[in-house]
Amino acid sequence: MLLRQIQYFQAVIRNNSFTEAAEEYHISQSAISQQIQALEKELGVKLLERKNRKFTLTPAGEYFYRRSLILTSDLERLRCETLRLAHRDEARLTVGYLRHYGGAEFHAAVAEFSQQFPDVQLHVINGSHEDLYDALRFGKADVVLNDQRRAFSEEYVNLPLAEIPCFVELPSRDPLAGLDGVEIADLKNTPCVLVASEERKENERSYYRDAMGFHGEFLFAESLQDARILVASGQGILPIEGAQGSELFGSALKRVPLLREGKQVYRTYCAFWKKENPGRYMEPFAALLKAQFAGGRDS
């Protein structure tokens, strides 16, 4: 039994078509049909019931398909880990992202990078703006997704990714949830929940008070999930950036645009890496990240 035959079989089921499966693997339809028949012959069972141009899975075929997905997944993991072990000293990338960022672009870029460069040992870290800045300075990260809070430095490659709209998350039952937008000035009596470690609390407090204009009480959480629990329990609001889809945080919370004097507030997000860093994977990762922001801003 050949692995390629199993992959052809999976492609036929995944596409629900011999023709599309053949196109996926750039072979003829007759060739892929012959390989499926050879697989059935070796197994000694029928995997597909064929009728005219349509087919259905037999019970044995259904079982084989489900188990084969696990098998090929395990084999791919084995292949990747073997490559990483062989090249662990030369193929390594550490990437970082803001702990409070509420969009999906970074995670999508990580998934795409891992698919394109399976032999690269990828490490992911997160933290506050200052955590990520220090990680770059001291060589603990190769490239980071960060917001722009200081002037660009000549020491780094500064790749602008997008102007991201800012929102506040608040309980769905809160009267403010019915508004089309919330003015920062109108939140002066509402606690502001921030995501920050103990040693970064004052940095985040200063930024959101002095640069963003929040002047109420500040509460802190270690993670975005913990911050949303505080918000859902009615203890404050959470300033956040990222996609607006409610599927990101469920029905308990509502995301409302954050305004300053009637205009949407935006933050600039960038990819940063040191110019002197000799690694060769920062630019490909940053390109994937930029593509995700370009394609997913309005998702």
C-alpha atoms as a PDB file:
ATOM      1  CA  MET A   1       0.000   0.000   0.000  1.00  0.00           C
ATOM      2  CA  LEU A   2       1.499   3.297  -1.081  1.00  0.00           C
ATOM      3  CA  LEU A   3       1.109   6.558   0.827  1.00  0.00           C
ATOM      4  CA  ARG A   4       0.400   8.305  -2.460  1.00  0.00           C
ATOM      5  CA  GLN A   5      -2.579   5.997  -3.097  1.00  0.00           C
ATOM      6  CA  ILE A   6      -4.010   6.940   0.299  1.00  0.00           C
ATOM      7  CA  GLN A   7      -3.500  10.636  -0.469  1.00  0.00           C
ATOM      8  CA  TYR A   8      -5.290  10.227  -3.808  1.00  0.00           C
ATOM      9  CA  PHE A   9      -8.178   8.506  -2.030  1.00  0.00           C
ATOM     10  CA  GLN A  10      -8.397  11.340   0.516  1.00  0.00           C
ATOM     11  CA  ALA A  11      -8.363  13.918  -2.277  1.00  0.00           C
ATOM     12  CA  VAL A  12     -11.265  12.205  -4.050  1.00  0.00           C
ATOM     13  CA  ILE A  13     -13.345  12.265  -0.852  1.00  0.00           C
ATOM     14  CA  ARG A  14     -12.278  15.799   0.089  1.00  0.00           C
ATOM     15  CA  ASN A  15     -13.223  17.172  -3.326  1.00  0.00           C
ATOM     16  CA  ASN A  16     -16.159  14.793  -3.821  1.00  0.00           C
ATOM     17  CA  SER A  17     -14.830  14.408  -7.342  1.00  0.00           C
ATOM     18  CA  PHE A  18     -12.308  12.284  -9.230  1.00  0.00           C
ATOM     19  CA  THR A  19     -11.808  15.129 -11.688  1.00  0.00           C
ATOM     20  CA  GLU A  20     -10.982  17.769  -9.063  1.00  0.00           C
ATOM     21  CA  ALA A  21      -8.757  15.338  -7.158  1.00  0.00           C
ATOM     22  CA  ALA A  22      -6.825  14.650 -10.361  1.00  0.00           C
ATOM     23  CA  GLU A  23      -6.434  18.398 -10.963  1.00  0.00           C
ATOM     24  CA  GLU A  24      -5.168  18.862  -7.419  1.00  0.00           C
ATOM     25  CA  TYR A  25      -2.372  16.347  -8.038  1.00  0.00           C
ATOM     26  CA  HIS A  26      -1.820  17.297 -11.694  1.00  0.00           C
ATOM     27  CA  ILE A  27      -2.505  13.815 -13.037  1.00  0.00           C
ATOM     28  CA  SER A  28      -5.204  12.383 -15.282  1.00  0.00           C
ATOM     29  CA  GLN A  29      -8.585  11.291 -13.980  1.00  0.00           C
ATOM     30  CA  SER A  30      -7.999   7.761 -15.289  1.00  0.00           C
ATOM     31  CA  ALA A  31      -4.674   7.563 -13.447  1.00  0.00           C
ATOM     32  CA  ILE A  32      -6.194   8.534 -10.102  1.00  0.00           C
ATOM     33  CA  SER A  33      -9.066   6.090 -10.661  1.00  0.00           C
ATOM     34  CA  GLN A  34      -6.562   3.297 -11.334  1.00  0.00           C
ATOM     35  CA  GLN A  35      -4.679   4.138  -8.128  1.00  0.00           C
ATOM     36  CA  ILE A  36      -7.882   3.962  -6.056  1.00  0.00           C
ATOM     37  CA  GLN A  37      -8.692   0.580  -7.613  1.00  0.00           C
ATOM     38  CA  ALA A  38      -5.166  -0.627  -6.817  1.00  0.00           C
ATOM     39  CA  LEU A  39      -5.651   0.500  -3.205  1.00  0.00           C
ATOM     40  CA  GLU A  40      -8.944  -1.395  -2.973  1.00  0.00           C
ATOM     41  CA  LYS A  41      -7.311  -4.494  -4.448  1.00  0.00           C
ATOM     42  CA  GLU A  42      -4.484  -4.421  -1.917  1.00  0.00           C
ATOM     43  CA  LEU A  43      -6.900  -3.915   0.986  1.00  0.00           C
ATOM     44  CA  GLY A  44      -9.246  -6.578  -0.338  1.00  0.00           C
ATOM     45  CA  VAL A  45     -12.335  -4.397   0.209  1.00  0.00           C
ATOM     46  CA  LYS A  46     -14.401  -1.902  -1.743  1.00  0.00           C
ATOM     47  CA  LEU A  47     -13.939   1.632  -0.471  1.00  0.00           C
ATOM     48  CA  LEU A  48     -16.320   3.287  -2.939  1.00  0.00           C
ATOM     49  CA  GLU A  49     -19.648   2.333  -4.466  1.00  0.00           C
ATOM     50  CA  ARG A  50     -19.579   3.721  -7.998  1.00  0.00           C
ATOM     51  CA  LYS A  51     -22.737   4.483  -9.965  1.00  0.00           C
ATOM     52  CA  ASN A  52     -22.495   6.321 -13.269  1.00  0.00           C
ATOM     53  CA  ARG A  53     -20.374   9.386 -12.516  1.00  0.00           C
ATOM     54  CA  LYS A  54     -21.167   9.455  -8.792  1.00  0.00           C
ATOM     55  CA  PHE A  55     -19.845   7.492  -5.839  1.00  0.00           C
ATOM     56  CA  THR A  56     -20.513   6.929  -2.139  1.00  0.00           C
ATOM     57  CA  LEU A  57     -18.303   5.585   0.610  1.00  0.00           C
ATOM     58  CA  THR A  58     -18.872   2.062   1.776  1.00  0.00           C
ATOM     59  CA  PRO A  59     -18.846   1.471   5.561  1.00  0.00           C
ATOM     60  CA  ALA A  60     -15.298   0.149   5.162  1.00  0.00           C
ATOM     61  CA  GLY A  61     -14.426   3.185   3.060  1.00  0.00           C
ATOM     62  CA  GLU A  62     -15.808   5.555   5.703  1.00  0.00           C
ATOM     63  CA  TYR A  63     -13.745   3.848   8.403  1.00  0.00           C
ATOM     64  CA  PHE A  64     -10.603   3.771   6.243  1.00  0.00           C
ATOM     65  CA  TYR A  65     -10.980   7.446   5.316  1.00  0.00           C
ATOM     66  CA  ARG A  66     -11.266   8.624   8.933  1.00  0.00           C
ATOM     67  CA  ARG A  67      -8.347   6.524  10.119  1.00  0.00           C
ATOM     68  CA  SER A  68      -6.194   7.419   7.120  1.00  0.00           C
ATOM     69  CA  LEU A  69      -6.483  11.121   7.963  1.00  0.00           C
ATOM     70  CA  ILE A  70      -4.988  10.395  11.378  1.00  0.00           C
ATOM     71  CA  LEU A  71      -2.269   8.273   9.761  1.00  0.00           C
ATOM     72  CA  THR A  72      -1.210  10.904   7.221  1.00  0.00           C
ATOM     73  CA  SER A  73      -1.310  13.628   9.870  1.00  0.00           C
ATOM     74  CA  ASP A  74       1.017  11.572  12.074  1.00  0.00           C
ATOM     75  CA  LEU A  75       3.331  10.905   9.129  1.00  0.00           C
ATOM     76  CA  GLU A  76       3.492  14.601   8.254  1.00  0.00           C
ATOM     77  CA  ARG A  77       4.303  15.450  11.868  1.00  0.00           C
ATOM     78  CA  LEU A  78       6.995  12.772  11.863  1.00  0.00           C
ATOM     79  CA  ARG A  79       8.480  14.199   8.660  1.00  0.00           C
ATOM     80  CA  CYS A  80       8.490  17.761  10.011  1.00  0.00           C
ATOM     81  CA  GLU A  81      10.038  16.793  13.339  1.00  0.00           C
ATOM     82  CA  THR A  82      12.709  14.768  11.559  1.00  0.00           C
ATOM     83  CA  LEU A  83      13.587  17.762   9.367  1.00  0.00           C
ATOM     84  CA  ARG A  84      13.631  20.084  12.347  1.00  0.00           C
ATOM     85  CA  LEU A  85      15.933  17.760  14.237  1.00  0.00           C
ATOM     86  CA  ALA A  86      18.304  17.536  11.274  1.00  0.00           C
ATOM     87  CA  HIS A  87      18.349  21.327  10.774  1.00  0.00           C
ATOM     88  CA  ARG A  88      17.684  22.620  14.265  1.00  0.00           C
ATOM     89  CA  ASP A  89      20.840  24.757  14.333  1.00  0.00           C
ATOM     90  CA  GLU A  90      20.159  26.425  10.990  1.00  0.00           C
ATOM     91  CA  ALA A  91      16.368  26.592  10.578  1.00  0.00           C
ATOM     92  CA  ARG A  92      14.809  28.397  13.501  1.00  0.00           C
ATOM     93  CA  LEU A  93      12.545  31.429  13.819  1.00  0.00           C
ATOM     94  CA  THR A  94      11.090  33.069  16.927  1.00  0.00           C
ATOM     95  CA  VAL A  95       8.119  35.354  16.308  1.00  0.00           C
ATOM     96  CA  GLY A  96       6.175  37.496  18.753  1.00  0.00           C
ATOM     97  CA  TYR A  97       2.793  39.171  18.909  1.00  0.00           C
ATOM     98  CA  LEU A  98       0.918  41.529  21.189  1.00  0.00           C
ATOM     99  CA  ARG A  99      -0.873  39.663  23.947  1.00  0.00           C
ATOM    100  CA  HIS A 100      -3.895  41.947  23.774  1.00  0.00           C
ATOM    101  CA  TYR A 101      -4.360  41.929  19.997  1.00  0.00           C
ATOM    102  CA  GLY A 102      -7.817  40.621  19.096  1.00  0.00           C
ATOM    103  CA  GLY A 103      -7.408  39.835  15.387  1.00  0.00           C
ATOM    104  CA  ALA A 104      -6.614  36.536  13.664  1.00  0.00           C
ATOM    105  CA  GLU A 105      -3.969  37.724  11.171  1.00  0.00           C
ATOM    106  CA  PHE A 106      -0.934  36.663  13.207  1.00  0.00           C
ATOM    107  CA  HIS A 107      -2.219  33.147  13.821  1.00  0.00           C
ATOM    108  CA  ALA A 108      -3.101  32.762  10.140  1.00  0.00           C
ATOM    109  CA  ALA A 109       0.415  33.873   9.154  1.00  0.00           C
ATOM    110  CA  VAL A 110       1.951  31.350  11.571  1.00  0.00           C
ATOM    111  CA  ALA A 111      -0.149  28.556  10.046  1.00  0.00           C
ATOM    112  CA  GLU A 112       0.774  29.573   6.489  1.00  0.00           C
ATOM    113  CA  PHE A 113       4.470  29.885   7.354  1.00  0.00           C
ATOM    114  CA  SER A 114       4.514  26.436   8.988  1.00  0.00           C
ATOM    115  CA  GLN A 115       2.977  24.974   5.842  1.00  0.00           C
ATOM    116  CA  GLN A 116       5.414  26.685   3.495  1.00  0.00           C
ATOM    117  CA  PHE A 117       8.507  26.075   5.660  1.00  0.00           C
ATOM    118  CA  PRO A 118       7.887  22.793   7.495  1.00  0.00           C
ATOM    119  CA  ASP A 119      11.596  22.329   8.216  1.00  0.00           C
ATOM    120  CA  VAL A 120      11.828  25.576  10.216  1.00  0.00           C
ATOM    121  CA  GLN A 121      11.568  25.281  13.979  1.00  0.00           C
ATOM    122  CA  LEU A 122       9.020  27.999  14.794  1.00  0.00           C
ATOM    123  CA  HIS A 123       8.701  29.457  18.290  1.00  0.00           C
ATOM    124  CA  VAL A 124       5.934  31.888  19.266  1.00  0.00           C
ATOM    125  CA  ILE A 125       6.001  34.334  22.168  1.00  0.00           C
ATOM    126  CA  ASN A 126       3.629  37.098  23.249  1.00  0.00           C
ATOM    127  CA  GLY A 127       3.761  40.114  25.492  1.00  0.00           C
ATOM    128  CA  SER A 128       3.121  43.807  25.854  1.00  0.00           C
ATOM    129  CA  HIS A 129       4.555  46.434  23.516  1.00  0.00           C
ATOM    130  CA  GLU A 130       7.595  46.842  25.769  1.00  0.00           C
ATOM    131  CA  ASP A 131       8.055  43.067  26.187  1.00  0.00           C
ATOM    132  CA  LEU A 132       8.272  42.649  22.427  1.00  0.00           C
ATOM    133  CA  TYR A 133      10.577  45.637  22.019  1.00  0.00           C
ATOM    134  CA  ASP A 134      12.936  44.142  24.608  1.00  0.00           C
ATOM    135  CA  ALA A 135      12.695  40.700  22.970  1.00  0.00           C
ATOM    136  CA  LEU A 136      14.015  42.201  19.728  1.00  0.00           C
ATOM    137  CA  ARG A 137      16.693  44.247  21.478  1.00  0.00           C
ATOM    138  CA  PHE A 138      18.088  41.285  23.396  1.00  0.00           C
ATOM    139  CA  GLY A 139      17.779  38.655  20.667  1.00  0.00           C
ATOM    140  CA  LYS A 140      14.870  36.731  22.199  1.00  0.00           C
ATOM    141  CA  ALA A 141      12.713  37.241  19.084  1.00  0.00           C
ATOM    142  CA  ASP A 142      13.518  37.503  15.393  1.00  0.00           C
ATOM    143  CA  VAL A 143      10.402  39.335  14.166  1.00  0.00           C
ATOM    144  CA  VAL A 144       7.398  40.730  16.047  1.00  0.00           C
ATOM    145  CA  LEU A 145       3.924  42.081  15.380  1.00  0.00           C
ATOM    146  CA  ASN A 146       3.719  45.253  17.450  1.00  0.00           C
ATOM    147  CA  ASP A 147       1.884  48.559  17.572  1.00  0.00           C
ATOM    148  CA  GLN A 148       3.760  51.764  16.801  1.00  0.00           C
ATOM    149  CA  ARG A 149       4.258  53.775  19.978  1.00  0.00           C
ATOM    150  CA  ARG A 150       7.646  55.337  19.245  1.00  0.00           C
ATOM    151  CA  ALA A 151       9.403  56.785  16.223  1.00  0.00           C
ATOM    152  CA  PHE A 152      10.847  54.275  13.773  1.00  0.00           C
ATOM    153  CA  SER A 153      14.468  53.357  14.471  1.00  0.00           C
ATOM    154  CA  GLU A 154      17.151  52.942  11.817  1.00  0.00           C
ATOM    155  CA  GLU A 155      18.319  49.869  13.734  1.00  0.00           C
ATOM    156  CA  TYR A 156      15.221  47.927  12.669  1.00  0.00           C
ATOM    157  CA  VAL A 157      13.258  47.083   9.571  1.00  0.00           C
ATOM    158  CA  ASN A 158       9.920  48.808  10.236  1.00  0.00           C
ATOM    159  CA  LEU A 159       7.240  47.320   7.991  1.00  0.00           C
ATOM    160  CA  PRO A 160       3.810  49.004   8.361  1.00  0.00           C
ATOM    161  CA  LEU A 161       1.060  46.418   8.060  1.00  0.00           C
ATOM    162  CA  ALA A 162      -2.229  48.249   8.548  1.00  0.00           C
ATOM    163  CA  GLU A 163      -4.120  51.015  10.266  1.00  0.00           C
ATOM    164  CA  ILE A 164      -6.328  48.971  12.583  1.00  0.00           C
ATOM    165  CA  PRO A 165      -9.624  50.364  13.926  1.00  0.00           C
ATOM    166  CA  CYS A 166      -9.950  50.450  17.692  1.00  0.00           C
ATOM    167  CA  PHE A 167     -12.986  49.146  19.558  1.00  0.00           C
ATOM    168  CA  VAL A 168     -14.143  48.624  23.097  1.00  0.00           C
ATOM    169  CA  GLU A 169     -15.588  45.335  24.227  1.00  0.00           C
ATOM    170  CA  LEU A 170     -18.320  45.587  26.827  1.00  0.00           C
ATOM    171  CA  PRO A 171     -21.132  43.399  28.178  1.00  0.00           C
ATOM    172  CA  SER A 172     -23.947  42.909  25.674  1.00  0.00           C
ATOM    173  CA  ARG A 173     -26.413  44.015  28.360  1.00  0.00           C
ATOM    174  CA  ASP A 174     -24.601  47.351  28.872  1.00  0.00           C
ATOM    175  CA  PRO A 175     -26.625  50.306  27.518  1.00  0.00           C
ATOM    176  CA  LEU A 176     -23.494  51.499  25.668  1.00  0.00           C
ATOM    177  CA  ALA A 177     -23.648  48.314  23.581  1.00  0.00           C
ATOM    178  CA  GLY A 178     -26.551  49.798  21.649  1.00  0.00           C
ATOM    179  CA  LEU A 179     -24.502  52.738  20.370  1.00  0.00           C
ATOM    180  CA  ASP A 180     -22.854  52.962  16.954  1.00  0.00           C
ATOM    181  CA  GLY A 181     -19.687  54.205  18.634  1.00  0.00           C
ATOM    182  CA  VAL A 182     -18.355  55.208  22.050  1.00  0.00           C
ATOM    183  CA  GLU A 183     -16.378  58.392  22.710  1.00  0.00           C
ATOM    184  CA  ILE A 184     -13.238  57.952  24.814  1.00  0.00           C
ATOM    185  CA  ALA A 185     -14.278  61.022  26.823  1.00  0.00           C
ATOM    186  CA  ASP A 186     -17.562  59.327  27.758  1.00  0.00           C
ATOM    187  CA  LEU A 187     -15.696  56.451  29.413  1.00  0.00           C
ATOM    188  CA  LYS A 188     -14.050  58.560  32.118  1.00  0.00           C
ATOM    189  CA  ASN A 189     -16.186  56.947  34.825  1.00  0.00           C
ATOM    190  CA  THR A 190     -15.837  53.397  33.479  1.00  0.00           C
ATOM    191  CA  PRO A 191     -12.935  51.120  34.524  1.00  0.00           C
ATOM    192  CA  CYS A 192     -10.611  50.203  31.653  1.00  0.00           C
ATOM    193  CA  VAL A 193      -9.354  46.597  31.556  1.00  0.00           C
ATOM    194  CA  LEU A 194      -5.826  46.153  30.193  1.00  0.00           C
ATOM    195  CA  VAL A 195      -3.799  43.020  29.451  1.00  0.00           C
ATOM    196  CA  ALA A 196      -0.370  43.312  31.074  1.00  0.00           C
ATOM    197  CA  SER A 197       2.061  41.425  33.275  1.00  0.00           C
ATOM    198  CA  GLU A 198       2.847  42.760  36.746  1.00  0.00           C
ATOM    199  CA  GLU A 199       6.053  44.468  35.652  1.00  0.00           C
ATOM    200  CA  ARG A 200       4.394  46.174  32.645  1.00  0.00           C
ATOM    201  CA  LYS A 201       1.275  47.535  34.322  1.00  0.00           C
ATOM    202  CA  GLU A 202       2.602  51.058  34.698  1.00  0.00           C
ATOM    203  CA  ASN A 203       3.773  51.191  31.052  1.00  0.00           C
ATOM    204  CA  GLU A 204       0.329  50.205  29.817  1.00  0.00           C
ATOM    205  CA  ARG A 205      -1.469  52.502  32.252  1.00  0.00           C
ATOM    206  CA  SER A 206       0.634  55.470  31.136  1.00  0.00           C
ATOM    207  CA  TYR A 207       0.086  54.774  27.446  1.00  0.00           C
ATOM    208  CA  TYR A 208      -3.674  54.340  27.650  1.00  0.00           C
ATOM    209  CA  ARG A 209      -4.029  57.361  29.939  1.00  0.00           C
ATOM    210  CA  ASP A 210      -1.636  59.807  28.262  1.00  0.00           C
ATOM    211  CA  ALA A 211      -1.644  58.712  24.604  1.00  0.00           C
ATOM    212  CA  MET A 212      -5.097  57.180  24.220  1.00  0.00           C
ATOM    213  CA  GLY A 213      -6.998  59.412  26.656  1.00  0.00           C
ATOM    214  CA  PHE A 214      -8.600  56.943  29.084  1.00  0.00           C
ATOM    215  CA  HIS A 215      -8.965  58.679  32.454  1.00  0.00           C
ATOM    216  CA  GLY A 216     -10.966  56.228  34.527  1.00  0.00           C
ATOM    217  CA  GLU A 217      -9.783  53.462  36.837  1.00  0.00           C
ATOM    218  CA  PHE A 218      -7.548  50.742  35.348  1.00  0.00           C
ATOM    219  CA  LEU A 219      -7.896  47.016  35.974  1.00  0.00           C
ATOM    220  CA  PHE A 220      -5.392  44.423  34.769  1.00  0.00           C
ATOM    221  CA  ALA A 221      -5.489  40.859  33.496  1.00  0.00           C
ATOM    222  CA  GLU A 222      -2.695  38.470  32.526  1.00  0.00           C
ATOM    223  CA  SER A 223      -4.373  37.286  29.312  1.00  0.00           C
ATOM    224  CA  LEU A 224      -6.978  38.384  26.795  1.00  0.00           C
ATOM    225  CA  GLN A 225      -9.289  35.608  27.968  1.00  0.00           C
ATOM    226  CA  ASP A 226      -9.025  36.760  31.592  1.00  0.00           C
ATOM    227  CA  ALA A 227      -9.688  40.352  30.509  1.00  0.00           C
ATOM    228  CA  ARG A 228     -12.860  39.307  28.694  1.00  0.00           C
ATOM    229  CA  ILE A 229     -14.075  37.485  31.808  1.00  0.00           C
ATOM    230  CA  LEU A 230     -13.715  40.738  33.763  1.00  0.00           C
ATOM    231  CA  VAL A 231     -15.690  42.558  31.076  1.00  0.00           C
ATOM    232  CA  ALA A 232     -18.412  39.898  30.884  1.00  0.00           C
ATOM    233  CA  SER A 233     -18.858  40.164  34.666  1.00  0.00           C
ATOM    234  CA  GLY A 234     -19.486  43.893  34.327  1.00  0.00           C
ATOM    235  CA  GLN A 235     -16.251  45.131  35.902  1.00  0.00           C
ATOM    236  CA  GLY A 236     -15.112  47.343  33.030  1.00  0.00           C
ATOM    237  CA  ILE A 237     -14.569  47.789  29.300  1.00  0.00           C
ATOM    238  CA  LEU A 238     -11.726  46.405  27.179  1.00  0.00           C
ATOM    239  CA  PRO A 239     -10.026  48.529  24.494  1.00  0.00           C
ATOM    240  CA  ILE A 240      -9.014  46.246  21.652  1.00  0.00           C
ATOM    241  CA  GLU A 241      -8.036  46.155  17.985  1.00  0.00           C
ATOM    242  CA  GLY A 242      -8.708  43.605  15.295  1.00  0.00           C
ATOM    243  CA  ALA A 243     -11.486  42.035  13.263  1.00  0.00           C
ATOM    244  CA  GLN A 244     -15.013  43.011  14.234  1.00  0.00           C
ATOM    245  CA  GLY A 245     -16.695  39.590  13.854  1.00  0.00           C
ATOM    246  CA  SER A 246     -18.608  38.528  16.978  1.00  0.00           C
ATOM    247  CA  GLU A 247     -17.434  34.939  16.510  1.00  0.00           C
ATOM    248  CA  LEU A 248     -14.159  36.014  18.084  1.00  0.00           C
ATOM    249  CA  PHE A 249     -15.622  36.504  21.544  1.00  0.00           C
ATOM    250  CA  GLY A 250     -19.165  35.096  21.745  1.00  0.00           C
ATOM    251  CA  SER A 251     -22.555  36.576  22.528  1.00  0.00           C
ATOM    252  CA  ALA A 252     -21.767  37.742  26.085  1.00  0.00           C
ATOM    253  CA  LEU A 253     -19.753  40.698  24.788  1.00  0.00           C
ATOM    254  CA  LYS A 254     -20.383  43.401  22.219  1.00  0.00           C
ATOM    255  CA  ARG A 255     -17.665  45.205  20.289  1.00  0.00           C
ATOM    256  CA  VAL A 256     -18.339  48.895  19.617  1.00  0.00           C
ATOM    257  CA  PRO A 257     -16.146  51.341  17.637  1.00  0.00           C
ATOM    258  CA  LEU A 258     -13.998  53.645  19.750  1.00  0.00           C
ATOM    259  CA  LEU A 259     -14.308  57.311  18.782  1.00  0.00           C
ATOM    260  CA  ARG A 260     -12.440  60.526  19.477  1.00  0.00           C
ATOM    261  CA  GLU A 261     -14.476  63.652  18.692  1.00  0.00           C
ATOM    262  CA  GLY A 262     -16.763  61.642  16.459  1.00  0.00           C
ATOM    263  CA  LYS A 263     -14.011  59.921  14.435  1.00  0.00           C
ATOM    264  CA  GLN A 264     -12.922  56.287  14.545  1.00  0.00           C
ATOM    265  CA  VAL A 265      -9.672  55.787  16.481  1.00  0.00           C
ATOM    266  CA  TYR A 266      -6.978  53.820  14.649  1.00  0.00           C
ATOM    267  CA  ARG A 267      -3.684  52.218  15.692  1.00  0.00           C
ATOM    268  CA  THR A 268      -0.758  51.454  13.396  1.00  0.00           C
ATOM    269  CA  TYR A 269       0.501  47.882  13.444  1.00  0.00           C
ATOM    270  CA  CYS A 270       3.907  46.911  12.078  1.00  0.00           C
ATOM    271  CA  ALA A 271       6.298  44.025  11.720  1.00  0.00           C
ATOM    272  CA  PHE A 272       9.718  44.756  13.204  1.00  0.00           C
ATOM    273  CA  TRP A 273      13.041  42.946  12.992  1.00  0.00           C
ATOM    274  CA  LYS A 274      16.678  43.904  13.409  1.00  0.00           C
ATOM    275  CA  LYS A 275      18.512  44.844  10.232  1.00  0.00           C
ATOM    276  CA  GLU A 276      21.675  43.136  11.423  1.00  0.00           C
ATOM    277  CA  ASN A 277      19.910  39.852  12.179  1.00  0.00           C
ATOM    278  CA  PRO A 278      21.465  37.266   9.805  1.00  0.00           C
ATOM    279  CA  GLY A 279      18.432  34.957   9.731  1.00  0.00           C
ATOM    280  CA  ARG A 280      16.729  34.405   6.381  1.00  0.00           C
ATOM    281  CA  TYR A 281      13.150  33.733   7.474  1.00  0.00           C
ATOM    282  CA  MET A 282      12.082  37.118   8.886  1.00  0.00           C
ATOM    283  CA  GLU A 283      11.165  38.606   5.515  1.00  0.00           C
ATOM    284  CA  PRO A 284       9.079  35.600   4.349  1.00  0.00           C
ATOM    285  CA  PHE A 285       7.175  35.608   7.644  1.00  0.00           C
ATOM    286  CA  ALA A 286       6.652  39.374   7.505  1.00  0.00           C
ATOM    287  CA  ALA A 287       5.395  39.069   3.902  1.00  0.00           C
ATOM    288  CA  LEU A 288       2.844  36.459   4.980  1.00  0.00           C
ATOM    289  CA  LEU A 289       1.788  38.688   7.856  1.00  0.00           C
ATOM    290  CA  LYS A 290       1.349  41.658   5.544  1.00  0.00           C
ATOM    291  CA  ALA A 291      -0.707  39.538   3.146  1.00  0.00           C
ATOM    292  CA  GLN A 292      -2.993  38.476   5.999  1.00  0.00           C
ATOM    293  CA  PHE A 293      -3.593  42.087   7.019  1.00  0.00           C
ATOM    294  CA  ALA A 294      -4.166  43.119   3.406  1.00  0.00           C
ATOM    295  CA  GLY A 295      -6.721  40.374   2.899  1.00  0.00           C
ATOM    296  CA  GLY A 296      -8.415  40.332   6.281  1.00  0.00           C
ATOM    297  CA  ARG A 297      -8.878  43.924   7.419  1.00  0.00           C
ATOM    298  CA  ASP A 298     -12.631  43.908   6.966  1.00  0.00           C
ATOM    299  CA  SER A 299     -13.250  40.342   8.109  1.00  0.00           C
END
